[in-house]
Amino acid sequence: MSTGISMASMSTYAILGCGSVGHAVAEALVGEGKDVLILDHDEGRVEALRDQDLDARTADISEPDVVDVVADRDVLLILSSDVEANKDAVRRFREQGDDHFIIVRASDPVTADELDEMGVDVVINPSAVIADSALRALETGELEHKAEQLATVVDETDGRMAILAHRSPDPDSIASAVALKAIAESRGVGADILYDGEIGHQENRAFVNLFGIDLTPLSEVTLDTYDTVALVDHAKASEPVVEEPVDVFIDHFEPEIDYGARFIDVRQNVSSTSTILTKYVQEFDLSLSEDVATALLYGIRAETLDFKRDTTPADLTAAAYLYPFADHDTLEQVESPSMSPETLDVLADAIRNRDVKGSHLVSNAGFIRNREALSEAAQHLLNLEGITTTAVFAIADDTIYLAARSKDIRMDIGSVLGAAFGDIGEVVGHSTDATVQIPLGIFTGIEASEDNRETLLSLVKDAVKSKLFTAMGVESGGDNGS
């Protein structure tokens, strides 16, 4: 409801009904130097309030003359425990056509809805406020306890810490690793960020290059040389990255594999692992560098599709905290990398060869050299009108490579690829972003050569589409792309 009163001009207050809630509000307002008038029907309570130098008068808030008593007040706080009396008072004030800013106490959600319909500006349900406060206190206490546990694991590291991002890491995994490394180094522990697979997507490579993030391929090190091993954003891995128990596991999904970690923090009420690491950065009171802040902000934005996918209040709060520290010019460069000619060719082939069933799109890009371009093509095709799931595949080096993306909350694209190709290929990814590599000979029974390229492509195209559409729950048929 619009009242025409700005909050800045609200200088005089009236509290109608002054039990424990009203008393607490009155003390807080008076402590801020506000002009507060208190009305209550209990004479003994009014006397006690006056003894505390509060401006209190005896009055029944259900009586008509109360309207005149508080006529010169800007804000009315109707806080009686008698909700029916509160409703009568609201009704009387609104019938007078006044423009008071009215805050009213409710007892339950139903009463709150009724008061909203009566034109109240703010409704307060004390039980809900207490519950919210208790949950916030619980979250704060849990984070403090978790931070102490994490600090213990880090501080007990005698040598170096290995921080593993997930296979072919995305921005959320890389940013989380960067933040955990900063936390370790702030406590005097050296750390290396390791990864398996490839950093494929053009934006991911730009992210790593522009920030000078030092990533080491897992194949170049021996994990046994590290005293502490941490996994970040690994829950959706289809097979163990390490065979032995790890020391730290942090993710926003429940892990599908039990790593036996000494320290585990899994929060399914947030949408990115970067959000969790941001909370730790705050709890450890880290002197936040521009690079770490920008990496974490990008990790949150990428994982939530710029706050358009499954975003929670915690993600927004973390992003708001990081925003002032981030380098937004560099962030813009990361999010808008130039497209290579070969990537453009792959995208053009994928658009031309698309096969659409409902909101699902499957396409092939033929024979390619730059297989990382498939991920970018799958992401770009997801922007087509009416499309919620994409999969783009191609042949390179005697292998079928496929990249899939989905924004359909009912579909786990990683599970779809697993159902379609898990028995013959290597599937990596999670519910919205997954890839698979399939040996060409296993899939077709034919070895690749220059003479049978078109035959191979025809076999692969039909078989891959059929398996994918079946796994998606869509009947396969002829192409209906343009």
Protein backbone atom coordinates (compact mmCIF):
# COMPACT_ATOMS: atom_id res chain seq x y z
CA MET A 1 0.00 0.00 0.00
CA SER A 2 1.30 3.44 -0.89
CA THR A 3 0.92 5.96 1.95
CA GLY A 4 2.72 8.99 0.64
CA ILE A 5 4.93 8.99 3.77
CA SER A 6 8.64 8.46 3.31
CA MET A 7 10.40 6.44 6.01
CA ALA A 8 12.84 9.30 6.49
CA SER A 9 10.00 11.62 7.61
CA MET A 10 8.54 9.19 10.16
CA SER A 11 9.50 10.87 13.43
CA THR A 12 6.55 10.23 15.77
CA TYR A 13 5.29 6.82 16.83
CA ALA A 14 2.38 5.32 18.74
CA ILE A 15 2.42 1.83 20.22
CA LEU A 16 -1.06 0.43 20.79
CA GLY A 17 -0.96 -2.51 23.17
CA CYS A 18 2.30 -2.79 25.08
CA GLY A 19 3.01 -6.34 26.18
CA SER A 20 6.50 -7.85 25.99
CA VAL A 21 6.75 -7.22 22.23
CA GLY A 22 5.54 -3.63 22.46
CA HIS A 23 7.79 -2.93 25.44
CA ALA A 24 10.88 -4.16 23.55
CA VAL A 25 9.98 -2.04 20.51
CA ALA A 26 9.32 1.03 22.68
CA GLU A 27 12.69 0.76 24.43
CA ALA A 28 14.49 0.39 21.10
CA LEU A 29 12.75 3.41 19.56
CA VAL A 30 13.26 5.63 22.59
CA GLY A 31 16.89 4.54 22.66
CA GLU A 32 17.19 5.95 19.15
CA GLY A 33 15.71 9.27 20.31
CA LYS A 34 12.27 8.71 18.78
CA ASP A 35 9.08 10.35 20.05
CA VAL A 36 6.97 7.41 21.24
CA LEU A 37 3.45 7.39 22.74
CA ILE A 38 2.27 4.13 24.36
CA LEU A 39 -1.40 3.19 24.85
CA ASP A 40 -2.44 0.15 26.90
CA HIS A 41 -5.61 -0.84 28.76
CA ASP A 42 -3.73 -2.24 31.80
CA GLU A 43 -3.33 0.58 34.36
CA GLY A 44 -0.64 -1.28 36.32
CA ARG A 45 1.41 -1.78 33.17
CA VAL A 46 1.01 1.89 32.23
CA GLU A 47 2.27 2.95 35.67
CA ALA A 48 5.29 0.65 35.30
CA LEU A 49 6.06 2.14 31.89
CA ARG A 50 5.82 5.67 33.30
CA ASP A 51 8.27 4.68 36.06
CA GLN A 52 10.70 3.96 33.23
CA ASP A 53 10.19 7.53 31.93
CA LEU A 54 8.14 6.31 28.96
CA ASP A 55 5.18 8.35 27.67
CA ALA A 56 2.36 5.91 28.46
CA ARG A 57 -1.40 6.40 28.79
CA THR A 58 -4.29 4.15 29.74
CA ALA A 59 -6.59 3.47 26.78
CA ASP A 60 -8.52 0.61 25.19
CA ILE A 61 -7.34 0.30 21.59
CA SER A 62 -10.76 -1.04 20.57
CA GLU A 63 -12.46 2.24 21.61
CA PRO A 64 -13.29 4.86 18.90
CA ASP A 65 -11.58 7.77 20.69
CA VAL A 66 -8.16 6.15 20.23
CA VAL A 67 -8.23 7.44 16.64
CA ASP A 68 -8.16 11.01 17.88
CA VAL A 69 -5.49 10.34 20.52
CA VAL A 70 -2.96 9.18 17.92
CA ALA A 71 -4.09 11.42 15.05
CA ASP A 72 -0.81 13.39 15.07
CA ARG A 73 1.40 10.28 14.97
CA ASP A 74 3.15 9.22 11.76
CA VAL A 75 3.56 5.53 12.54
CA LEU A 76 1.16 3.24 14.40
CA LEU A 77 2.44 -0.03 15.83
CA ILE A 78 -0.58 -2.10 16.87
CA LEU A 79 1.07 -4.80 18.95
CA SER A 80 -1.60 -6.15 21.31
CA SER A 81 -1.64 -9.91 21.90
CA ASP A 82 -5.41 -9.70 21.26
CA VAL A 83 -5.40 -10.09 17.48
CA GLU A 84 -9.15 -9.40 17.14
CA ALA A 85 -8.67 -6.08 18.95
CA ASN A 86 -5.80 -5.32 16.56
CA LYS A 87 -8.06 -6.01 13.57
CA ASP A 88 -10.80 -3.76 15.02
CA ALA A 89 -8.28 -0.96 15.46
CA VAL A 90 -6.96 -1.32 11.89
CA ARG A 91 -10.49 -1.33 10.50
CA ARG A 92 -11.35 1.85 12.41
CA PHE A 93 -8.23 3.69 11.27
CA ARG A 94 -8.69 2.73 7.63
CA GLU A 95 -12.37 3.67 7.73
CA GLN A 96 -11.27 7.18 8.77
CA GLY A 97 -9.28 7.38 5.55
CA ASP A 98 -6.09 8.30 7.38
CA ASP A 99 -2.61 7.89 5.90
CA HIS A 100 -0.81 6.44 8.91
CA PHE A 101 1.90 3.90 8.28
CA ILE A 102 0.51 0.91 10.18
CA ILE A 103 2.46 -2.06 11.54
CA VAL A 104 0.34 -4.79 13.15
CA ARG A 105 0.97 -7.93 15.15
CA ALA A 106 -0.59 -11.15 13.84
CA SER A 107 -0.82 -14.57 15.48
CA ASP A 108 -0.60 -16.91 12.48
CA PRO A 109 -0.34 -16.88 8.66
CA VAL A 110 -4.13 -16.78 8.20
CA THR A 111 -4.48 -13.69 10.39
CA ALA A 112 -1.53 -12.13 8.61
CA ASP A 113 -3.29 -12.57 5.24
CA GLU A 114 -6.48 -11.01 6.64
CA LEU A 115 -4.56 -7.99 7.91
CA ASP A 116 -2.81 -7.61 4.55
CA GLU A 117 -6.21 -7.46 2.86
CA MET A 118 -7.27 -4.73 5.32
CA GLY A 119 -4.56 -2.41 4.01
CA VAL A 120 -1.89 -2.88 6.67
CA ASP A 121 1.58 -1.76 5.57
CA VAL A 122 3.59 -4.32 7.56
CA VAL A 123 2.41 -7.46 9.36
CA ILE A 124 4.55 -9.05 12.07
CA ASN A 125 4.08 -12.63 13.23
CA PRO A 126 6.21 -12.95 16.41
CA SER A 127 6.45 -16.75 16.19
CA ALA A 128 7.76 -16.52 12.61
CA VAL A 129 10.22 -13.78 13.62
CA ILE A 130 11.50 -15.90 16.51
CA ALA A 131 11.80 -18.94 14.25
CA ASP A 132 13.74 -16.94 11.63
CA SER A 133 16.01 -15.53 14.32
CA ALA A 134 16.62 -19.00 15.75
CA LEU A 135 17.47 -20.38 12.29
CA ARG A 136 19.88 -17.51 11.61
CA ALA A 137 21.54 -18.08 14.98
CA LEU A 138 21.77 -21.80 14.22
CA GLU A 139 23.31 -21.15 10.81
CA THR A 140 25.82 -18.73 12.33
CA GLY A 141 26.73 -21.20 15.06
CA GLU A 142 27.07 -24.08 12.61
CA LEU A 143 29.30 -22.04 10.31
CA GLU A 144 31.52 -21.04 13.21
CA HIS A 145 31.78 -24.68 14.31
CA LYS A 146 32.51 -25.85 10.76
CA ALA A 147 35.15 -23.16 10.30
CA GLU A 148 36.91 -24.35 13.45
CA GLN A 149 36.87 -27.92 12.12
CA LEU A 150 38.24 -26.85 8.73
CA ALA A 151 40.93 -24.74 10.41
CA THR A 152 42.02 -27.79 12.42
CA VAL A 153 42.43 -29.91 9.27
CA VAL A 154 44.35 -27.14 7.48
CA ASP A 155 46.56 -26.34 10.49
CA GLU A 156 47.52 -30.02 10.92
CA THR A 157 48.96 -30.06 7.39
CA ASP A 158 52.73 -30.63 7.67
CA GLY A 159 53.54 -30.37 3.96
CA ARG A 160 51.35 -29.08 1.14
CA MET A 161 47.63 -29.34 0.46
CA ALA A 162 46.28 -30.70 -2.82
CA ILE A 163 42.96 -29.12 -3.83
CA LEU A 164 41.19 -31.07 -6.58
CA ALA A 165 38.65 -29.36 -8.79
CA HIS A 166 36.28 -31.72 -10.57
CA ARG A 167 37.16 -33.26 -13.93
CA SER A 168 37.26 -30.69 -16.77
CA PRO A 169 36.49 -28.04 -14.15
CA ASP A 170 33.89 -25.34 -14.54
CA PRO A 171 33.99 -21.83 -12.96
CA ASP A 172 32.28 -22.91 -9.72
CA SER A 173 34.81 -25.67 -9.09
CA ILE A 174 37.81 -23.54 -10.06
CA ALA A 175 36.66 -20.54 -7.98
CA SER A 176 36.01 -22.77 -4.95
CA ALA A 177 39.50 -24.22 -5.25
CA VAL A 178 41.00 -20.72 -5.53
CA ALA A 179 39.19 -19.64 -2.36
CA LEU A 180 40.20 -22.74 -0.37
CA LYS A 181 43.80 -22.19 -1.47
CA ALA A 182 43.59 -18.59 -0.20
CA ILE A 183 42.23 -19.83 3.15
CA ALA A 184 45.05 -22.40 3.45
CA GLU A 185 47.74 -19.87 2.56
CA SER A 186 46.32 -17.37 5.06
CA ARG A 187 47.07 -20.02 7.71
CA GLY A 188 50.61 -20.64 6.46
CA VAL A 189 49.86 -23.78 4.43
CA GLY A 190 50.94 -24.02 0.78
CA ALA A 191 48.40 -25.49 -1.66
CA ASP A 192 48.22 -26.59 -5.30
CA ILE A 193 45.04 -26.71 -7.40
CA LEU A 194 44.87 -29.91 -9.44
CA TYR A 195 42.50 -31.04 -12.16
CA ASP A 196 41.86 -33.99 -14.44
CA GLY A 197 40.60 -33.81 -18.03
CA GLU A 198 40.68 -30.53 -19.91
CA ILE A 199 39.62 -26.92 -19.38
CA GLY A 200 37.49 -26.85 -22.46
CA HIS A 201 34.92 -24.08 -22.62
CA GLN A 202 36.24 -20.82 -24.04
CA GLU A 203 34.90 -18.82 -21.08
CA ASN A 204 36.60 -21.22 -18.64
CA ARG A 205 39.94 -20.83 -20.41
CA ALA A 206 39.51 -17.05 -20.44
CA PHE A 207 38.71 -17.18 -16.72
CA VAL A 208 41.87 -19.12 -15.90
CA ASN A 209 44.09 -17.07 -18.21
CA LEU A 210 42.87 -13.60 -17.26
CA PHE A 211 43.29 -14.25 -13.55
CA GLY A 212 46.52 -16.17 -13.92
CA ILE A 213 45.09 -19.10 -11.94
CA ASP A 214 47.77 -21.74 -11.49
CA LEU A 215 46.20 -25.13 -12.26
CA THR A 216 48.27 -28.31 -12.40
CA PRO A 217 47.14 -31.41 -14.35
CA LEU A 218 46.61 -34.34 -12.00
CA SER A 219 48.73 -36.49 -14.32
CA GLU A 220 51.81 -34.39 -13.53
CA VAL A 221 51.82 -35.00 -9.77
CA THR A 222 51.68 -37.84 -7.26
CA LEU A 223 49.01 -37.36 -4.61
CA ASP A 224 51.06 -39.32 -2.10
CA THR A 225 53.46 -36.37 -1.90
CA TYR A 226 50.71 -34.18 -0.40
CA ASP A 227 49.93 -34.23 3.29
CA THR A 228 46.31 -33.08 2.89
CA VAL A 229 43.87 -33.69 0.01
CA ALA A 230 40.71 -31.62 -0.52
CA LEU A 231 37.90 -32.11 -3.04
CA VAL A 232 35.69 -29.16 -4.01
CA ASP A 233 32.55 -29.46 -6.15
CA HIS A 234 32.99 -33.20 -6.71
CA ALA A 235 29.60 -34.61 -5.67
CA LYS A 236 28.41 -35.41 -9.18
CA ALA A 237 31.54 -37.32 -10.21
CA SER A 238 30.49 -40.67 -11.70
CA GLU A 239 33.61 -42.44 -10.44
CA PRO A 240 36.16 -41.73 -7.68
CA VAL A 241 38.88 -39.23 -8.52
CA VAL A 242 41.05 -40.67 -5.75
CA GLU A 243 40.91 -44.15 -4.29
CA GLU A 244 42.01 -43.27 -0.77
CA PRO A 245 40.10 -41.29 1.89
CA VAL A 246 40.45 -37.52 1.54
CA ASP A 247 40.74 -34.87 4.22
CA VAL A 248 38.27 -32.22 3.01
CA PHE A 249 35.08 -32.46 0.94
CA ILE A 250 32.99 -29.33 0.18
CA ASP A 251 30.01 -29.26 -2.21
CA HIS A 252 26.44 -28.11 -2.71
CA PHE A 253 25.26 -31.60 -3.67
CA GLU A 254 25.24 -34.83 -1.68
CA PRO A 255 28.17 -36.93 -2.90
CA GLU A 256 27.42 -40.05 -4.88
CA ILE A 257 30.70 -41.55 -3.65
CA ASP A 258 31.81 -41.88 -0.02
CA TYR A 259 35.31 -40.41 0.15
CA GLY A 260 35.59 -40.90 3.90
CA ALA A 261 36.60 -37.27 4.41
CA ARG A 262 37.71 -36.00 7.82
CA PHE A 263 35.91 -32.72 7.15
CA ILE A 264 32.68 -32.61 5.13
CA ASP A 265 30.49 -29.61 4.38
CA VAL A 266 27.59 -30.34 2.02
CA ARG A 267 24.86 -27.69 1.76
CA GLN A 268 22.01 -28.47 -0.57
CA ASN A 269 20.25 -25.24 0.39
CA VAL A 270 22.65 -23.21 -1.80
CA SER A 271 23.22 -23.40 -5.54
CA SER A 272 26.99 -23.17 -5.80
CA THR A 273 30.07 -24.39 -3.96
CA SER A 274 31.45 -20.85 -4.41
CA THR A 275 28.68 -19.62 -2.09
CA ILE A 276 29.87 -22.01 0.62
CA LEU A 277 33.50 -20.91 0.22
CA THR A 278 32.41 -17.26 0.36
CA LYS A 279 30.88 -17.94 3.77
CA TYR A 280 34.20 -19.40 4.94
CA VAL A 281 36.11 -16.42 3.57
CA GLN A 282 33.85 -14.21 5.71
CA GLU A 283 34.07 -16.46 8.77
CA PHE A 284 37.89 -16.56 8.60
CA ASP A 285 37.84 -12.77 8.15
CA LEU A 286 40.17 -13.08 5.18
CA SER A 287 41.67 -9.98 3.63
CA LEU A 288 39.87 -10.60 0.36
CA SER A 289 41.98 -10.07 -2.75
CA GLU A 290 40.37 -8.73 -5.93
CA ASP A 291 41.18 -11.93 -7.84
CA VAL A 292 39.61 -14.25 -5.25
CA ALA A 293 36.51 -12.06 -4.94
CA THR A 294 36.07 -11.89 -8.71
CA ALA A 295 36.60 -15.63 -9.11
CA LEU A 296 33.98 -16.44 -6.45
CA LEU A 297 31.48 -13.97 -7.88
CA TYR A 298 31.95 -15.47 -11.33
CA GLY A 299 31.61 -18.97 -9.88
CA ILE A 300 28.24 -18.09 -8.32
CA ARG A 301 26.99 -16.32 -11.42
CA ALA A 302 28.04 -19.12 -13.76
CA GLU A 303 26.53 -21.88 -11.61
CA THR A 304 23.20 -20.04 -11.26
CA LEU A 305 23.16 -18.87 -14.90
CA ASP A 306 23.51 -15.27 -13.73
CA PHE A 307 20.94 -15.81 -10.94
CA LYS A 308 18.31 -17.27 -13.28
CA ARG A 309 18.65 -20.93 -12.16
CA ASP A 310 17.83 -22.28 -8.67
CA THR A 311 19.18 -19.16 -6.97
CA THR A 312 18.82 -19.03 -3.17
CA PRO A 313 18.98 -16.06 -0.75
CA ALA A 314 22.39 -17.35 0.41
CA ASP A 315 23.74 -17.13 -3.16
CA LEU A 316 22.49 -13.55 -3.48
CA THR A 317 23.89 -12.58 -0.08
CA ALA A 318 27.30 -14.05 -0.96
CA ALA A 319 27.30 -12.27 -4.33
CA ALA A 320 26.36 -8.97 -2.67
CA TYR A 321 29.28 -9.36 -0.25
CA LEU A 322 31.73 -10.09 -3.08
CA TYR A 323 30.49 -7.42 -5.49
CA PRO A 324 32.40 -4.39 -4.08
CA PHE A 325 35.70 -6.32 -4.09
CA ALA A 326 35.43 -7.74 -7.62
CA ASP A 327 37.10 -6.54 -10.83
CA HIS A 328 34.06 -6.02 -13.05
CA ASP A 329 36.04 -5.01 -16.15
CA THR A 330 37.90 -8.31 -16.10
CA LEU A 331 34.68 -10.15 -15.31
CA GLU A 332 33.13 -8.68 -18.45
CA GLN A 333 36.11 -9.89 -20.49
CA VAL A 334 35.69 -13.41 -19.08
CA GLU A 335 31.97 -13.48 -19.84
CA SER A 336 32.42 -12.18 -23.40
CA PRO A 337 35.43 -13.99 -24.86
CA SER A 338 35.99 -13.78 -28.59
CA MET A 339 34.75 -16.81 -30.56
CA SER A 340 37.35 -18.62 -32.68
CA PRO A 341 36.55 -19.29 -36.35
CA GLU A 342 36.53 -23.05 -35.69
CA THR A 343 34.07 -22.67 -32.82
CA LEU A 344 31.87 -20.62 -35.12
CA ASP A 345 32.04 -23.40 -37.75
CA VAL A 346 31.07 -26.04 -35.17
CA LEU A 347 28.17 -23.90 -33.99
CA ALA A 348 27.00 -23.37 -37.58
CA ASP A 349 27.09 -27.13 -38.26
CA ALA A 350 25.23 -27.82 -35.01
CA ILE A 351 22.51 -25.32 -35.92
CA ARG A 352 22.17 -26.70 -39.42
CA ASN A 353 22.03 -30.36 -38.30
CA ARG A 354 19.77 -29.93 -35.29
CA ASP A 355 16.98 -32.40 -34.57
CA VAL A 356 14.31 -31.11 -32.20
CA LYS A 357 11.79 -33.19 -30.27
CA GLY A 358 9.61 -31.02 -28.08
CA SER A 359 12.02 -28.90 -26.04
CA HIS A 360 14.98 -31.26 -26.57
CA LEU A 361 17.60 -30.61 -29.26
CA VAL A 362 20.24 -33.07 -30.46
CA SER A 363 22.73 -32.23 -33.20
CA ASN A 364 26.01 -33.34 -34.73
CA ALA A 365 28.96 -31.29 -35.90
CA GLY A 366 30.57 -33.97 -38.05
CA PHE A 367 34.35 -34.40 -37.83
CA ILE A 368 36.12 -31.76 -35.76
CA ARG A 369 39.57 -30.84 -34.44
CA ASN A 370 38.54 -28.59 -31.54
CA ARG A 371 36.29 -30.76 -29.39
CA GLU A 372 36.02 -28.04 -26.72
CA ALA A 373 33.81 -26.15 -29.18
CA LEU A 374 31.06 -28.73 -28.59
CA SER A 375 30.40 -27.41 -25.07
CA GLU A 376 30.10 -23.87 -26.37
CA ALA A 377 27.76 -24.97 -29.15
CA ALA A 378 25.56 -26.85 -26.65
CA GLN A 379 25.42 -23.75 -24.45
CA HIS A 380 24.59 -21.40 -27.34
CA LEU A 381 21.84 -23.70 -28.66
CA LEU A 382 20.23 -23.65 -25.22
CA ASN A 383 19.32 -20.02 -25.97
CA LEU A 384 17.02 -21.01 -28.85
CA GLU A 385 13.36 -20.32 -28.19
CA GLY A 386 11.55 -23.24 -26.59
CA ILE A 387 14.70 -25.32 -26.03
CA THR A 388 15.47 -26.61 -22.52
CA THR A 389 17.96 -29.39 -23.27
CA THR A 390 20.74 -29.65 -25.88
CA ALA A 391 23.29 -32.26 -26.87
CA VAL A 392 25.95 -31.77 -29.55
CA PHE A 393 28.28 -34.57 -30.66
CA ALA A 394 31.11 -35.03 -33.16
CA ILE A 395 33.97 -37.37 -34.07
CA ALA A 396 37.63 -36.63 -33.38
CA ASP A 397 40.67 -38.89 -32.96
CA ASP A 398 38.73 -42.17 -33.20
CA THR A 399 36.42 -40.99 -30.41
CA ILE A 400 32.85 -39.71 -30.26
CA TYR A 401 32.68 -36.60 -28.07
CA LEU A 402 29.32 -35.30 -26.81
CA ALA A 403 28.47 -32.23 -24.72
CA ALA A 404 25.03 -31.69 -23.21
CA ARG A 405 23.33 -28.88 -21.35
CA SER A 406 19.92 -28.60 -19.66
CA LYS A 407 17.89 -25.94 -17.90
CA ASP A 408 14.94 -28.29 -17.36
CA ILE A 409 14.65 -28.76 -13.57
CA ARG A 410 12.96 -32.13 -14.14
CA MET A 411 15.94 -33.54 -16.01
CA ASP A 412 19.37 -34.60 -14.74
CA ILE A 413 21.38 -34.48 -17.95
CA GLY A 414 24.30 -36.31 -16.33
CA SER A 415 21.99 -39.23 -15.51
CA VAL A 416 20.56 -39.12 -19.05
CA LEU A 417 24.02 -39.52 -20.57
CA GLY A 418 24.80 -42.25 -18.07
CA ALA A 419 21.64 -44.16 -19.04
CA ALA A 420 22.39 -43.75 -22.75
CA PHE A 421 26.15 -44.34 -22.86
CA GLY A 422 27.40 -45.27 -19.39
CA ASP A 423 28.10 -48.86 -20.38
CA ILE A 424 30.35 -47.94 -23.32
CA GLY A 425 31.68 -44.45 -22.58
CA GLU A 426 33.07 -42.17 -19.89
CA VAL A 427 30.41 -39.79 -18.55
CA VAL A 428 31.37 -36.70 -16.54
CA GLY A 429 29.14 -33.93 -15.23
CA HIS A 430 26.00 -33.22 -13.25
CA SER A 431 22.35 -32.30 -13.61
CA THR A 432 22.76 -29.31 -15.93
CA ASP A 433 26.11 -29.86 -17.65
CA ALA A 434 27.65 -33.17 -18.73
CA THR A 435 29.95 -34.72 -21.33
CA VAL A 436 30.71 -38.22 -22.59
CA GLN A 437 33.56 -39.77 -24.56
CA ILE A 438 32.90 -43.02 -26.46
CA PRO A 439 35.55 -45.03 -28.32
CA LEU A 440 34.42 -45.04 -31.95
CA GLY A 441 35.28 -48.70 -32.56
CA ILE A 442 33.22 -49.91 -29.60
CA PHE A 443 30.24 -47.89 -30.70
CA THR A 444 30.23 -48.76 -34.40
CA GLY A 445 32.36 -51.88 -34.70
CA ILE A 446 34.19 -50.10 -37.55
CA GLU A 447 37.66 -48.57 -37.46
CA ALA A 448 37.88 -45.02 -38.77
CA SER A 449 39.57 -44.28 -42.07
CA GLU A 450 39.40 -41.64 -44.78
CA ASP A 451 37.37 -44.00 -46.96
CA ASN A 452 34.55 -44.65 -44.52
CA ARG A 453 34.13 -41.23 -42.90
CA GLU A 454 30.63 -40.64 -44.26
CA THR A 455 29.50 -44.18 -43.39
CA LEU A 456 30.78 -43.75 -39.85
CA LEU A 457 29.12 -40.37 -39.44
CA SER A 458 25.80 -41.75 -40.68
CA LEU A 459 25.96 -44.69 -38.24
CA VAL A 460 26.98 -42.48 -35.33
CA LYS A 461 24.40 -39.79 -36.08
CA ASP A 462 21.42 -42.13 -36.14
CA ALA A 463 22.54 -44.29 -33.19
CA VAL A 464 23.49 -41.40 -30.88
CA LYS A 465 20.26 -39.53 -31.54
CA SER A 466 18.17 -42.66 -30.98
CA LYS A 467 19.89 -43.47 -27.67
CA LEU A 468 19.71 -39.88 -26.45
CA PHE A 469 16.04 -39.27 -27.26
CA THR A 470 15.13 -42.63 -25.68
CA ALA A 471 17.06 -41.73 -22.51
CA MET A 472 15.33 -38.34 -22.47
CA GLY A 473 11.95 -40.06 -22.67
CA VAL A 474 11.28 -38.70 -26.16
CA GLU A 475 10.43 -40.79 -29.19
CA SER A 476 13.06 -40.55 -31.93
CA GLY A 477 12.06 -39.78 -35.49
CA GLY A 478 13.11 -37.89 -38.58
CA ASP A 479 14.88 -34.56 -38.43
CA ASN A 480 12.68 -31.56 -38.00
CA GLY A 481 15.35 -28.95 -37.87
CA SER A 482 15.76 -26.32 -40.52
